[in-house]
N, C-alpha and C. Protein backbone atom coordinates (compact mmCIF):
# COMPACT_ATOMS: atom_id res chain seq x y z
N UNK A 1 281.78 -49.61 258.92
CA UNK A 1 281.42 -49.84 257.80
C UNK A 1 280.29 -48.82 257.92
N UNK A 2 279.19 -49.00 259.23
CA UNK A 2 277.85 -48.52 259.02
C UNK A 2 278.15 -46.72 258.32
N UNK A 3 279.12 -45.88 258.97
CA UNK A 3 279.49 -44.75 259.06
C UNK A 3 279.37 -44.44 257.06
N UNK A 4 280.55 -45.44 256.66
CA UNK A 4 280.31 -45.02 255.20
C UNK A 4 279.01 -45.08 254.61
N UNK A 5 278.58 -46.15 254.56
CA UNK A 5 277.12 -46.49 254.27
C UNK A 5 275.84 -45.50 254.52
N UNK A 6 276.04 -44.50 255.61
CA UNK A 6 275.37 -43.88 255.85
C UNK A 6 275.42 -42.35 255.17
N UNK A 7 276.66 -42.31 255.06
CA UNK A 7 276.79 -40.86 254.17
C UNK A 7 277.05 -41.18 252.83
N UNK A 8 277.12 -42.14 252.38
CA UNK A 8 277.35 -42.64 250.77
C UNK A 8 276.08 -43.78 250.81
N UNK A 9 275.04 -43.44 250.77
CA UNK A 9 274.24 -44.73 250.72
C UNK A 9 273.80 -45.31 249.37
N UNK A 10 274.60 -44.59 248.05
CA UNK A 10 274.28 -45.57 246.87
C UNK A 10 275.59 -45.79 246.23
N UNK A 11 276.18 -46.57 247.63
CA UNK A 11 277.66 -47.39 247.24
C UNK A 11 277.16 -48.55 246.47
N UNK A 12 277.77 -49.23 245.40
CA UNK A 12 277.84 -50.65 244.85
C UNK A 12 277.91 -51.52 245.80
N UNK A 13 277.64 -52.87 245.48
CA UNK A 13 278.05 -53.91 246.49
C UNK A 13 279.19 -54.16 246.05
N UNK A 14 280.04 -53.94 245.00
CA UNK A 14 281.55 -54.15 244.85
C UNK A 14 282.20 -53.04 245.74
N UNK A 15 281.32 -51.72 246.32
CA UNK A 15 282.28 -50.73 246.74
C UNK A 15 282.28 -51.29 248.23
N UNK A 16 280.86 -51.67 248.91
CA UNK A 16 280.87 -52.16 250.20
C UNK A 16 281.81 -53.19 250.47
N UNK A 17 281.77 -53.80 249.80
CA UNK A 17 282.77 -55.00 249.74
C UNK A 17 284.26 -54.95 249.93
N UNK A 18 284.81 -53.58 248.97
CA UNK A 18 286.07 -53.07 248.84
C UNK A 18 286.38 -52.48 250.18
N UNK A 19 285.17 -51.85 250.72
CA UNK A 19 285.16 -50.82 251.98
C UNK A 19 285.26 -51.92 253.20
N UNK A 20 284.57 -52.77 253.05
CA UNK A 20 284.82 -53.55 254.47
C UNK A 20 286.01 -54.85 254.41
N UNK A 21 286.50 -54.76 253.30
CA UNK A 21 287.65 -55.75 253.31
C UNK A 21 288.98 -54.96 253.66
N UNK A 22 288.84 -53.31 253.55
CA UNK A 22 289.76 -52.38 253.74
C UNK A 22 290.33 -52.73 255.06
N UNK A 23 289.44 -52.50 256.32
CA UNK A 23 290.35 -52.32 257.71
C UNK A 23 290.60 -53.68 257.59
N UNK A 24 290.40 -55.28 257.42
CA UNK A 24 291.21 -56.31 257.99
C UNK A 24 292.81 -55.99 257.00
N UNK A 25 292.36 -55.68 255.84
CA UNK A 25 293.96 -55.32 254.91
C UNK A 25 294.97 -54.32 255.59
N UNK A 26 294.38 -53.38 256.22
CA UNK A 26 295.00 -52.42 256.72
C UNK A 26 295.66 -52.92 258.45
N UNK A 27 294.85 -53.69 259.40
CA UNK A 27 294.98 -54.37 260.07
C UNK A 27 296.22 -55.36 260.07
N UNK A 28 296.40 -56.07 258.98
CA UNK A 28 297.27 -57.03 258.74
C UNK A 28 298.28 -56.48 258.66
N UNK A 29 298.43 -55.31 257.64
CA UNK A 29 299.44 -54.69 257.05
C UNK A 29 300.40 -53.78 258.26
N UNK A 30 299.47 -53.52 259.00
CA UNK A 30 300.03 -52.37 259.97
C UNK A 30 300.50 -53.15 261.33
N UNK A 31 300.74 -54.34 260.96
CA UNK A 31 301.37 -55.14 262.26
C UNK A 31 303.10 -55.45 261.67
N UNK A 32 302.81 -55.21 260.38
CA UNK A 32 304.50 -55.23 259.77
C UNK A 32 305.30 -53.71 259.53
N UNK A 33 304.23 -53.11 258.67
CA UNK A 33 305.18 -51.79 258.76
C UNK A 33 303.56 -50.75 259.14
N UNK A 34 303.96 -49.79 260.26
CA UNK A 34 303.15 -49.44 261.04
C UNK A 34 302.74 -47.92 260.14
N UNK A 35 301.92 -48.06 259.57
CA UNK A 35 301.16 -46.89 258.74
C UNK A 35 300.21 -45.89 259.22
N UNK A 36 299.25 -46.82 260.04
CA UNK A 36 298.41 -46.08 260.99
C UNK A 36 298.33 -46.53 262.49
N UNK A 37 298.49 -45.21 263.20
CA UNK A 37 298.84 -45.03 264.57
C UNK A 37 297.72 -46.40 265.60
N UNK A 38 298.35 -46.94 266.20
CA UNK A 38 297.92 -48.07 266.96
C UNK A 38 296.27 -47.40 267.70
N UNK A 39 296.18 -46.95 268.11
CA UNK A 39 294.88 -46.52 268.62
C UNK A 39 293.83 -45.96 267.50
N UNK A 40 294.33 -45.63 266.18
CA UNK A 40 293.52 -45.18 264.93
C UNK A 40 292.69 -46.65 264.59
N UNK A 41 293.99 -47.71 264.73
CA UNK A 41 293.19 -48.72 263.44
C UNK A 41 291.91 -49.26 263.78
N UNK A 42 291.40 -49.06 264.91
CA UNK A 42 289.99 -49.54 265.47
C UNK A 42 289.26 -48.73 265.16
N UNK A 43 289.39 -47.32 264.47
CA UNK A 43 288.67 -46.20 264.34
C UNK A 43 288.86 -46.00 262.89
N UNK A 44 289.18 -46.73 262.01
CA UNK A 44 289.96 -46.46 261.05
C UNK A 44 288.89 -46.08 260.00
N UNK A 45 287.39 -46.28 259.91
CA UNK A 45 286.35 -45.99 259.00
C UNK A 45 285.73 -44.42 259.31
N UNK A 46 286.20 -44.21 260.79
CA UNK A 46 285.81 -42.92 260.76
C UNK A 46 287.21 -41.75 260.85
N UNK A 47 288.13 -42.05 261.00
CA UNK A 47 289.07 -40.93 261.46
C UNK A 47 290.26 -41.05 260.24
N UNK A 48 289.92 -42.07 258.99
CA UNK A 48 290.61 -42.08 258.21
C UNK A 48 290.19 -42.27 256.76
N UNK A 49 289.04 -43.13 256.70
CA UNK A 49 287.95 -43.53 255.53
C UNK A 49 287.13 -42.31 255.06
N UNK A 50 286.47 -42.13 256.30
CA UNK A 50 285.38 -41.14 256.41
C UNK A 50 286.09 -39.95 256.12
N UNK A 51 286.82 -39.58 256.79
CA UNK A 51 287.60 -38.25 256.81
C UNK A 51 288.18 -38.23 255.41
N UNK A 52 289.07 -38.88 254.43
CA UNK A 52 289.18 -38.97 253.45
C UNK A 52 287.92 -38.74 252.20
N UNK A 53 286.91 -39.04 252.48
CA UNK A 53 285.78 -39.10 251.75
C UNK A 53 285.17 -37.86 252.00
N UNK A 54 285.55 -37.01 253.44
CA UNK A 54 285.19 -35.95 252.80
C UNK A 54 285.41 -34.85 251.71
N UNK A 55 286.65 -34.98 250.77
CA UNK A 55 286.74 -34.58 249.91
C UNK A 55 285.72 -34.51 248.57
N UNK A 56 284.96 -35.85 249.06
CA UNK A 56 284.30 -36.39 248.06
C UNK A 56 282.74 -35.26 248.09
N UNK A 57 282.49 -35.05 249.45
CA UNK A 57 281.48 -34.43 249.98
C UNK A 57 281.61 -32.53 249.21
N UNK A 58 282.43 -32.24 249.09
CA UNK A 58 283.03 -30.85 248.63
C UNK A 58 282.91 -30.80 247.17
N UNK A 59 283.52 -31.92 246.77
CA UNK A 59 283.59 -31.93 245.04
C UNK A 59 283.74 -33.43 244.68
N UNK A 60 282.67 -34.06 244.27
CA UNK A 60 282.91 -35.50 243.50
C UNK A 60 283.77 -35.57 242.22
N UNK A 61 284.34 -36.48 241.97
CA UNK A 61 285.09 -36.35 240.61
C UNK A 61 284.36 -37.29 239.52
N UNK A 62 284.17 -36.32 238.25
CA UNK A 62 283.77 -37.02 237.00
C UNK A 62 284.63 -38.13 236.64
N UNK A 63 284.10 -39.00 236.21
CA UNK A 63 284.66 -40.04 235.12
C UNK A 63 285.84 -39.45 234.32
N UNK A 64 286.80 -39.99 234.44
CA UNK A 64 288.11 -39.35 233.43
C UNK A 64 289.02 -38.35 233.89
N UNK A 65 288.73 -38.06 235.06
CA UNK A 65 289.08 -36.76 235.58
C UNK A 65 290.37 -37.48 236.40
N UNK A 66 291.59 -36.93 236.49
CA UNK A 66 293.27 -37.51 237.23
C UNK A 66 293.26 -36.80 238.52
N UNK A 67 293.73 -37.25 239.75
CA UNK A 67 293.71 -36.61 240.76
C UNK A 67 295.26 -37.30 241.18
N UNK A 68 295.86 -36.33 242.07
CA UNK A 68 297.11 -36.61 242.61
C UNK A 68 297.26 -36.69 244.37
N UNK A 69 297.35 -37.71 245.07
CA UNK A 69 297.34 -37.96 246.38
C UNK A 69 298.67 -37.48 246.49
N UNK A 70 299.36 -36.19 247.32
CA UNK A 70 300.49 -36.39 247.73
C UNK A 70 300.78 -36.65 249.08
N UNK A 71 301.72 -37.27 249.40
CA UNK A 71 302.17 -37.41 250.73
C UNK A 71 301.01 -38.35 251.25
N UNK A 72 300.81 -39.43 250.39
CA UNK A 72 299.37 -40.67 250.77
C UNK A 72 300.00 -41.18 252.04
N UNK A 73 300.85 -41.11 252.19
CA UNK A 73 301.35 -42.37 253.17
C UNK A 73 300.76 -43.65 253.15
N UNK A 74 299.84 -43.91 254.42
CA UNK A 74 299.47 -45.56 254.07
C UNK A 74 298.10 -45.62 253.14
N UNK A 75 297.98 -44.57 252.36
CA UNK A 75 296.91 -44.65 251.14
C UNK A 75 295.88 -43.43 251.79
N UNK A 76 295.99 -42.26 252.43
CA UNK A 76 294.91 -41.73 252.64
C UNK A 76 295.41 -40.29 252.26
N UNK A 77 294.34 -39.46 251.56
CA UNK A 77 292.89 -39.99 251.14
C UNK A 77 292.72 -40.66 250.09
N UNK A 78 293.82 -40.97 249.37
CA UNK A 78 293.90 -41.55 248.19
C UNK A 78 293.11 -42.67 247.67
N UNK A 79 293.42 -44.13 248.68
CA UNK A 79 292.25 -45.14 248.22
C UNK A 79 291.31 -45.21 248.82
N UNK A 80 290.52 -44.75 249.55
CA UNK A 80 288.89 -43.99 249.81
C UNK A 80 288.52 -43.75 248.46
N UNK A 81 288.88 -42.54 248.19
CA UNK A 81 288.62 -42.03 246.78
C UNK A 81 288.63 -42.79 245.92
N UNK A 82 289.64 -43.72 245.71
CA UNK A 82 289.58 -44.52 244.54
C UNK A 82 288.52 -45.11 244.11
N UNK A 83 288.29 -46.01 245.68
CA UNK A 83 286.97 -47.21 245.74
C UNK A 83 285.64 -46.00 245.36
N UNK A 84 285.76 -45.09 245.83
CA UNK A 84 284.30 -44.32 245.54
C UNK A 84 284.23 -43.87 244.01
N UNK A 85 285.40 -43.72 243.31
CA UNK A 85 285.41 -43.25 242.36
C UNK A 85 286.23 -44.02 241.37
N UNK A 86 285.76 -45.17 240.65
CA UNK A 86 286.54 -46.04 240.07
C UNK A 86 287.12 -45.69 238.88
N UNK A 87 286.11 -44.87 238.10
CA UNK A 87 286.71 -44.31 236.84
C UNK A 87 287.33 -43.10 236.65
N UNK A 88 287.95 -42.68 237.92
CA UNK A 88 289.02 -41.58 237.83
C UNK A 88 290.22 -42.21 238.50
N UNK A 89 291.41 -41.44 237.73
CA UNK A 89 292.82 -41.97 237.66
C UNK A 89 293.63 -41.29 239.00
N UNK A 90 293.86 -42.30 239.80
CA UNK A 90 294.17 -41.60 241.44
C UNK A 90 296.20 -41.92 241.05
N UNK A 91 296.80 -40.94 241.17
CA UNK A 91 298.27 -41.19 241.35
C UNK A 91 298.66 -41.11 243.08
N UNK A 92 299.01 -41.95 243.58
CA UNK A 92 299.58 -41.55 244.81
C UNK A 92 300.91 -41.50 244.89
N UNK A 93 301.56 -40.51 245.83
CA UNK A 93 302.66 -40.22 245.88
C UNK A 93 303.02 -40.03 247.29
N UNK A 94 304.64 -41.05 247.56
CA UNK A 94 305.21 -40.77 249.22
C UNK A 94 306.69 -40.97 248.78
N UNK A 95 307.19 -40.39 249.54
CA UNK A 95 308.77 -40.56 249.43
C UNK A 95 309.77 -41.55 250.21
N UNK A 96 308.47 -42.11 251.05
CA UNK A 96 308.86 -43.07 251.85
C UNK A 96 308.46 -44.30 251.36
N UNK A 97 309.26 -45.33 251.24
CA UNK A 97 308.93 -46.51 250.24
C UNK A 97 308.30 -47.76 250.87
N UNK A 98 308.74 -47.25 252.48
CA UNK A 98 307.81 -48.30 252.86
C UNK A 98 306.26 -48.50 253.01
N UNK A 99 306.00 -47.03 253.20
CA UNK A 99 304.41 -46.64 252.91
C UNK A 99 304.00 -47.27 251.62
N UNK A 100 304.85 -46.39 250.71
CA UNK A 100 304.29 -47.01 249.39
C UNK A 100 303.95 -48.70 249.06
N UNK A 101 304.87 -49.20 249.64
CA UNK A 101 305.05 -50.84 250.03
C UNK A 101 303.15 -51.27 250.48
N UNK A 102 302.74 -50.23 251.55
CA UNK A 102 301.53 -50.93 251.92
C UNK A 102 300.45 -50.80 251.21
N UNK A 103 300.60 -49.31 250.36
CA UNK A 103 299.60 -48.81 249.46
C UNK A 103 299.25 -49.74 248.46
N UNK A 104 300.85 -50.30 247.71
CA UNK A 104 300.63 -51.13 246.60
C UNK A 104 299.94 -52.34 247.36
N UNK A 105 300.23 -52.85 248.32
CA UNK A 105 299.70 -54.44 248.64
C UNK A 105 297.97 -54.11 249.05
N UNK A 106 297.61 -53.31 249.83
CA UNK A 106 296.16 -52.69 249.94
C UNK A 106 295.33 -52.62 248.59
N UNK A 107 296.19 -51.91 247.49
CA UNK A 107 295.57 -51.74 245.93
C UNK A 107 295.17 -52.74 245.66
N UNK A 108 296.29 -53.60 245.84
CA UNK A 108 296.23 -55.15 245.01
C UNK A 108 294.98 -55.92 245.74
N UNK A 109 295.42 -55.98 247.10
CA UNK A 109 294.08 -57.04 248.18
C UNK A 109 292.87 -56.13 247.12
N UNK A 110 292.61 -55.08 247.21
CA UNK A 110 291.54 -54.84 246.86
C UNK A 110 290.96 -54.78 245.51
N UNK A 111 292.01 -54.99 244.93
CA UNK A 111 291.26 -55.06 242.98
C UNK A 111 291.11 -53.66 242.69
N UNK A 112 292.22 -52.92 242.74
CA UNK A 112 291.92 -51.28 242.31
C UNK A 112 292.62 -51.24 241.42
N UNK A 113 292.17 -51.07 240.21
CA UNK A 113 292.79 -50.71 238.58
C UNK A 113 292.88 -49.86 238.33
N UNK A 114 292.49 -48.56 239.10
CA UNK A 114 292.55 -46.95 238.74
C UNK A 114 293.76 -46.00 239.85
N UNK A 115 294.59 -46.87 240.61
CA UNK A 115 295.80 -46.61 241.42
C UNK A 115 296.92 -46.89 240.96
N UNK A 116 297.85 -45.84 240.51
CA UNK A 116 299.19 -45.88 240.80
C UNK A 116 299.67 -45.12 241.89
N UNK A 117 300.85 -45.49 241.93
CA UNK A 117 301.86 -45.34 243.22
C UNK A 117 303.71 -44.53 242.60
N UNK A 118 303.51 -43.44 243.04
CA UNK A 118 305.17 -42.82 243.18
C UNK A 118 306.35 -42.74 244.42
N UNK A 119 307.19 -43.71 244.03
CA UNK A 119 307.78 -43.50 245.45
C UNK A 119 308.91 -42.54 245.17
N UNK A 120 308.38 -41.31 245.55
CA UNK A 120 309.62 -40.12 245.02
C UNK A 120 308.73 -38.92 245.53
N UNK A 121 309.44 -37.61 245.72
CA UNK A 121 308.93 -36.41 246.00
C UNK A 121 307.59 -35.76 245.10
N UNK A 122 307.02 -35.21 245.30
CA UNK A 122 306.47 -34.53 244.31
C UNK A 122 306.57 -34.02 243.50
N UNK A 123 307.96 -32.92 243.35
CA UNK A 123 308.27 -31.89 242.63
C UNK A 123 309.06 -33.24 241.47
N UNK A 124 309.17 -34.67 241.80
CA UNK A 124 309.76 -35.21 240.73
C UNK A 124 308.91 -36.03 239.71
N UNK A 125 307.48 -35.83 239.68
CA UNK A 125 306.58 -36.54 239.30
C UNK A 125 305.79 -35.62 238.17
N UNK A 126 306.04 -36.18 236.79
CA UNK A 126 305.50 -35.24 235.28
C UNK A 126 304.03 -35.58 235.46
N UNK A 127 303.31 -34.67 235.03
CA UNK A 127 301.83 -35.02 235.00
C UNK A 127 301.11 -33.55 236.03
N UNK A 128 300.09 -33.76 234.67
CA UNK A 128 299.05 -32.57 235.03
C UNK A 128 297.26 -33.37 235.58
N UNK A 129 297.30 -32.83 236.69
CA UNK A 129 296.01 -32.96 236.91
C UNK A 129 294.81 -32.02 237.44
N UNK A 130 293.73 -32.59 237.63
CA UNK A 130 292.49 -31.79 237.64
C UNK A 130 292.71 -31.08 238.76
N UNK A 131 292.73 -32.23 239.88
CA UNK A 131 293.20 -31.96 241.30
C UNK A 131 293.68 -32.80 241.89
N UNK A 132 294.43 -31.78 243.17
CA UNK A 132 295.77 -32.32 243.73
C UNK A 132 295.08 -32.16 245.21
N UNK A 133 294.93 -33.49 245.84
CA UNK A 133 294.67 -34.02 247.40
C UNK A 133 295.66 -34.51 248.17
N UNK A 134 295.19 -34.20 249.41
CA UNK A 134 296.27 -34.53 250.44
C UNK A 134 296.05 -34.00 252.15
N UNK A 135 296.70 -34.68 252.84
CA UNK A 135 296.21 -34.69 254.19
C UNK A 135 297.08 -34.02 255.25
N UNK A 136 297.14 -32.62 255.36
CA UNK A 136 297.84 -31.65 256.25
C UNK A 136 299.91 -32.39 256.20
N UNK A 137 300.23 -32.40 254.91
CA UNK A 137 301.69 -32.88 254.96
C UNK A 137 302.40 -31.52 255.26
N UNK A 138 301.88 -30.47 255.01
CA UNK A 138 303.13 -29.26 255.19
C UNK A 138 301.84 -28.27 254.91
N UNK A 139 302.56 -27.04 255.59
CA UNK A 139 301.90 -25.71 255.61
C UNK A 139 301.02 -25.28 254.16
N UNK A 140 300.43 -24.49 253.71
CA UNK A 140 300.02 -24.59 252.46
C UNK A 140 300.87 -23.82 251.34
N UNK A 141 301.59 -22.53 252.25
CA UNK A 141 302.24 -22.33 251.18
C UNK A 141 303.24 -22.99 250.94
N UNK A 142 304.11 -23.83 251.81
CA UNK A 142 305.15 -24.99 251.08
C UNK A 142 304.44 -25.91 250.42
N UNK A 143 303.07 -26.05 250.38
CA UNK A 143 302.57 -26.98 249.45
C UNK A 143 302.27 -26.87 247.94
N UNK A 144 301.81 -25.60 248.09
CA UNK A 144 301.62 -24.84 246.78
C UNK A 144 302.82 -24.90 246.03
N UNK A 145 303.89 -24.74 246.97
CA UNK A 145 305.22 -24.39 245.88
C UNK A 145 305.63 -25.76 245.40
N UNK A 146 305.65 -27.00 246.60
CA UNK A 146 305.49 -28.41 245.55
C UNK A 146 304.73 -28.89 244.06
N UNK A 147 303.67 -28.48 244.42
CA UNK A 147 302.43 -28.45 243.61
C UNK A 147 302.63 -27.77 242.11
N UNK A 148 303.62 -26.62 242.80
CA UNK A 148 303.39 -25.64 241.14
C UNK A 148 303.43 -26.37 239.72
N UNK A 149 302.73 -26.19 238.68
CA UNK A 149 302.84 -26.76 237.53
C UNK A 149 302.25 -28.08 236.98
N UNK A 150 301.47 -28.27 238.33
CA UNK A 150 300.82 -29.49 238.03
C UNK A 150 299.20 -29.52 237.64
N UNK A 151 298.72 -28.66 237.51
CA UNK A 151 297.34 -28.69 237.71
C UNK A 151 296.85 -28.35 235.95
N UNK A 152 295.79 -29.29 235.77
CA UNK A 152 295.50 -28.98 234.02
C UNK A 152 294.46 -28.16 233.42
N UNK A 153 294.75 -27.74 232.33
CA UNK A 153 294.24 -26.40 231.78
C UNK A 153 292.86 -26.51 231.98
N UNK A 154 292.18 -27.59 231.57
CA UNK A 154 290.68 -27.51 231.22
C UNK A 154 290.29 -27.78 232.30
N UNK A 155 289.22 -27.52 232.47
CA UNK A 155 288.35 -27.40 234.50
C UNK A 155 286.71 -28.15 233.20
N UNK A 156 286.80 -29.01 233.90
CA UNK A 156 285.48 -30.14 233.94
C UNK A 156 284.49 -29.98 234.98
N UNK A 157 284.79 -29.94 236.42
CA UNK A 157 284.21 -29.84 237.34
C UNK A 157 283.33 -28.35 237.90
N UNK A 158 282.34 -28.46 238.75
CA UNK A 158 281.75 -27.16 238.96
C UNK A 158 283.33 -26.47 240.07
N UNK A 159 283.85 -26.89 240.68
CA UNK A 159 285.12 -26.45 241.37
C UNK A 159 286.27 -26.22 240.45
N UNK A 160 286.80 -25.34 240.25
CA UNK A 160 287.78 -25.03 238.96
C UNK A 160 289.36 -25.70 239.37
N UNK A 161 289.89 -26.64 238.84
CA UNK A 161 290.76 -27.43 238.87
C UNK A 161 291.99 -26.48 240.17
N UNK A 162 292.24 -27.72 241.23
CA UNK A 162 292.97 -26.70 242.12
C UNK A 162 293.14 -27.80 243.02
N UNK A 163 293.79 -27.28 244.43
CA UNK A 163 293.83 -28.29 245.44
C UNK A 163 292.95 -28.51 246.54
N UNK A 164 292.80 -29.75 246.88
CA UNK A 164 291.69 -29.99 248.11
C UNK A 164 292.47 -30.79 248.91
N UNK A 165 292.43 -29.89 250.31
CA UNK A 165 293.63 -29.97 251.57
C UNK A 165 292.91 -30.35 252.61
N UNK A 166 293.16 -31.50 252.90
CA UNK A 166 291.96 -31.79 254.41
C UNK A 166 292.89 -31.33 255.83
N UNK A 167 292.54 -30.07 256.53
CA UNK A 167 293.39 -29.62 257.48
C UNK A 167 292.25 -29.30 258.60
N UNK A 168 293.27 -29.26 259.66
CA UNK A 168 292.24 -29.10 261.17
C UNK A 168 292.59 -28.05 261.57
N UNK A 169 291.89 -27.22 262.63
CA UNK A 169 292.21 -26.16 263.77
C UNK A 169 292.22 -24.98 262.77
N UNK A 170 292.28 -23.71 263.49
CA UNK A 170 291.89 -22.40 263.12
C UNK A 170 293.39 -22.26 261.92
N UNK A 171 292.88 -22.01 260.74
CA UNK A 171 293.24 -21.72 259.56
C UNK A 171 294.05 -20.57 259.20
N UNK A 172 293.15 -19.84 259.68
CA UNK A 172 293.02 -18.16 259.67
C UNK A 172 294.42 -17.42 259.22
N UNK A 173 295.07 -17.97 259.90
CA UNK A 173 296.63 -17.11 259.79
C UNK A 173 297.53 -17.94 258.56
N UNK A 174 297.55 -18.67 258.17
CA UNK A 174 297.73 -19.76 257.22
C UNK A 174 297.14 -19.93 255.80
N UNK A 175 295.86 -19.36 255.90
CA UNK A 175 295.55 -18.96 254.60
C UNK A 175 295.05 -17.61 254.05
N UNK A 176 295.79 -16.93 254.91
CA UNK A 176 295.26 -15.62 255.09
C UNK A 176 296.10 -14.94 253.86
N UNK A 177 297.25 -15.26 253.12
CA UNK A 177 297.89 -14.81 251.86
C UNK A 177 296.95 -15.44 250.55
N UNK A 178 295.91 -16.27 250.93
CA UNK A 178 294.98 -16.53 249.67
C UNK A 178 294.16 -16.34 249.62
N UNK A 179 293.47 -15.19 249.13
CA UNK A 179 291.97 -14.29 249.09
C UNK A 179 291.17 -15.44 248.31
N UNK A 180 291.44 -16.58 247.53
CA UNK A 180 290.78 -17.36 246.98
C UNK A 180 290.39 -18.66 247.65
N UNK A 181 291.07 -18.95 248.59
CA UNK A 181 290.92 -20.12 249.39
C UNK A 181 289.79 -20.12 249.91
N UNK A 182 289.45 -21.67 250.12
CA UNK A 182 287.74 -21.65 250.94
C UNK A 182 287.87 -22.49 251.78
N UNK A 183 287.19 -22.82 252.78
CA UNK A 183 287.01 -23.52 253.84
C UNK A 183 285.81 -24.46 254.19
N UNK A 184 285.55 -25.30 253.77
CA UNK A 184 284.74 -26.27 253.90
C UNK A 184 284.52 -27.39 255.50
N UNK A 185 283.94 -26.98 256.46
CA UNK A 185 284.07 -27.55 257.66
C UNK A 185 283.19 -28.50 257.32
N UNK A 186 284.31 -30.18 258.05
CA UNK A 186 283.40 -31.18 257.75
C UNK A 186 282.42 -31.41 258.69
N UNK A 187 282.36 -30.68 259.97
CA UNK A 187 280.98 -30.92 260.47
C UNK A 187 279.80 -30.91 259.71
N UNK A 188 279.93 -29.73 258.60
CA UNK A 188 278.38 -29.71 258.16
C UNK A 188 278.10 -31.05 257.23
N UNK A 189 278.90 -31.97 256.92
CA UNK A 189 278.74 -33.11 256.49
C UNK A 189 278.30 -34.30 257.29
N UNK A 190 279.44 -34.30 258.30
CA UNK A 190 279.24 -35.44 259.49
C UNK A 190 278.90 -35.17 260.87
N UNK A 191 278.48 -36.36 261.31
CA UNK A 191 277.78 -35.38 262.82
C UNK A 191 278.79 -35.87 264.21
N UNK A 192 279.98 -36.79 263.62
CA UNK A 192 280.92 -37.50 264.83
C UNK A 192 281.79 -36.06 265.16
N UNK A 193 281.80 -36.50 266.69
CA UNK A 193 282.76 -35.28 267.14
C UNK A 193 284.27 -35.19 266.42
N UNK A 194 284.66 -36.33 266.03
CA UNK A 194 286.40 -35.93 265.29
C UNK A 194 286.05 -34.83 264.29
N UNK A 195 284.97 -34.91 263.70
CA UNK A 195 284.71 -33.81 262.75
C UNK A 195 284.63 -32.05 263.14
N UNK A 196 285.03 -32.12 264.43
CA UNK A 196 284.42 -30.54 264.72
C UNK A 196 285.47 -29.84 264.54
N UNK A 197 286.62 -30.10 264.18
CA UNK A 197 287.67 -29.31 263.87
C UNK A 197 288.00 -29.50 262.35
N UNK A 198 287.47 -29.98 261.86
CA UNK A 198 288.52 -30.68 260.94
C UNK A 198 287.70 -30.13 259.34
N UNK A 199 288.55 -29.80 258.36
CA UNK A 199 287.98 -29.14 257.29
C UNK A 199 288.32 -29.20 256.06
N UNK A 200 287.98 -29.25 254.89
CA UNK A 200 288.70 -29.56 253.90
C UNK A 200 288.73 -28.06 252.94
N UNK A 201 289.76 -27.40 252.86
CA UNK A 201 290.31 -26.64 252.26
C UNK A 201 290.37 -26.62 250.52
N UNK A 202 289.53 -25.54 249.72
CA UNK A 202 289.91 -25.42 248.56
C UNK A 202 290.69 -24.27 247.73
N UNK A 203 291.78 -24.77 247.39
CA UNK A 203 292.31 -23.34 246.49
C UNK A 203 292.57 -23.71 245.24
N UNK A 204 291.57 -23.30 244.46
CA UNK A 204 292.13 -23.13 242.88
C UNK A 204 293.36 -22.59 242.44
N UNK A 205 293.65 -23.31 241.07
CA UNK A 205 295.18 -22.60 241.15
C UNK A 205 295.00 -22.66 239.40
N UNK A 206 295.83 -21.59 239.03
CA UNK A 206 295.92 -22.06 237.36
C UNK A 206 297.12 -22.62 236.88
N UNK A 207 296.63 -22.86 235.75
CA UNK A 207 297.53 -23.77 234.95
C UNK A 207 298.41 -22.75 234.57
N UNK A 208 299.82 -23.65 234.59
CA UNK A 208 300.96 -23.10 234.22
C UNK A 208 301.74 -23.57 232.56
N UNK A 209 301.72 -22.84 231.85
CA UNK A 209 301.91 -23.60 230.63
C UNK A 209 303.59 -23.27 230.59
């Protein structure tokens, strides 16, 4: 937990409580349904929670905005972001039912009122969002195709509406066709070695009416 409070010193007592309880909830559920690798569960605050919150360093979400987490798996980055931004509506999507079951149980256990889940493919979700977030579920070109038509028209944030994507490694080739993509290295925000090769990729997307 210390990593979280170091980088996010303005957390309320309620947020601190939720982040503290998050680890035990995941440990418990991971014994039943494996959504976090065994070696990662003890590093959950660095490798999963803080990693997810890297998106918040690039673009904090304003109250009343809508964010969709595609291929959320066990709830990352959606659950940590939902704790950090309680007045933002988060829709967490995954096609694997047992993963969504864990997400539902964790969200309920933490008392998160701003999380809705969808057990389906993202193409089946109807709705438009200020931002679409994810953690490296596909190559960018594939991902862009999946979420086409799901970006809201009105921009409320400093960054224009679009994709905020957690990715690792050399992204030069993958992003070559996207002239407007911007890479934010997470090592600019977090000092842990884990973040040396990790980035948030931001890709603005136009509303398609």
